[in-house]
Amino acid sequence: ETWVRKDNLRPLFFERNTREGDFRQHENYVFEGDSLVYRKNKIRDNAFTYDTIKITGCTYDVMSSLLFTRNIDYSKMKSNEKIPITVVMDDKTYDLYFRYIGIENKKLKNVGTFECLKFTVLLVQGTMFHEGEDMFIWVTNDKNHIPLWAESPILIGNVKARITKIQGNRYPLTSKIK
């Protein structure tokens, strides 16, 4: 769960709950302006730990970073151009980026075919992902920039996420081909 400021989509609060097999982790991040993040972390049944993480002006959590990228004007972007972003995760900040690949049509069963902007995402090695640009994301090529599909290999297997229904969007869905 992410809460962001309405005026600039900068993060205010982020909550992350991880459940993998018998592993459990609960994290809360509270952003204080452009300089600090307070982190509360609990793994399994252990006591909560508390951290204060210094950040720079444009630091996002994982979810708010996606909101940030939805509001970029891609009309002048060139293939392979990078969009740098700083993300706070666990107890560190990471300088990552989205790489714009280009325009590609994406067909989704029971949803339709769309003209999309395609990206790779630089990931950090963790409990789920390999480090590198192995994640691909397709978003609608219109003012909505709706994330339609994402896929990435993980340490064991791969993960895919797709949208199943589009409704209530702010702008006309001009990227839909059929």
Foldseek 3Di string as FASTA:
>chain_A
DWDADPVQLATAKDWDWDDDPPKTKIKIWGDDAAFWIWMWIDIRPDHIDIDIATHGRFEHAPVSVVVNVLQDDCPPPDAQDWDWGWYDDDRDIDTWTKGWHAWDWDQDPQEAIFTWTKIFIQDDDDPWAHGDRFKMWTFHPDSQRHTAKIKGQIPPGIDIDGDNDDDDTPDDRVGGPD
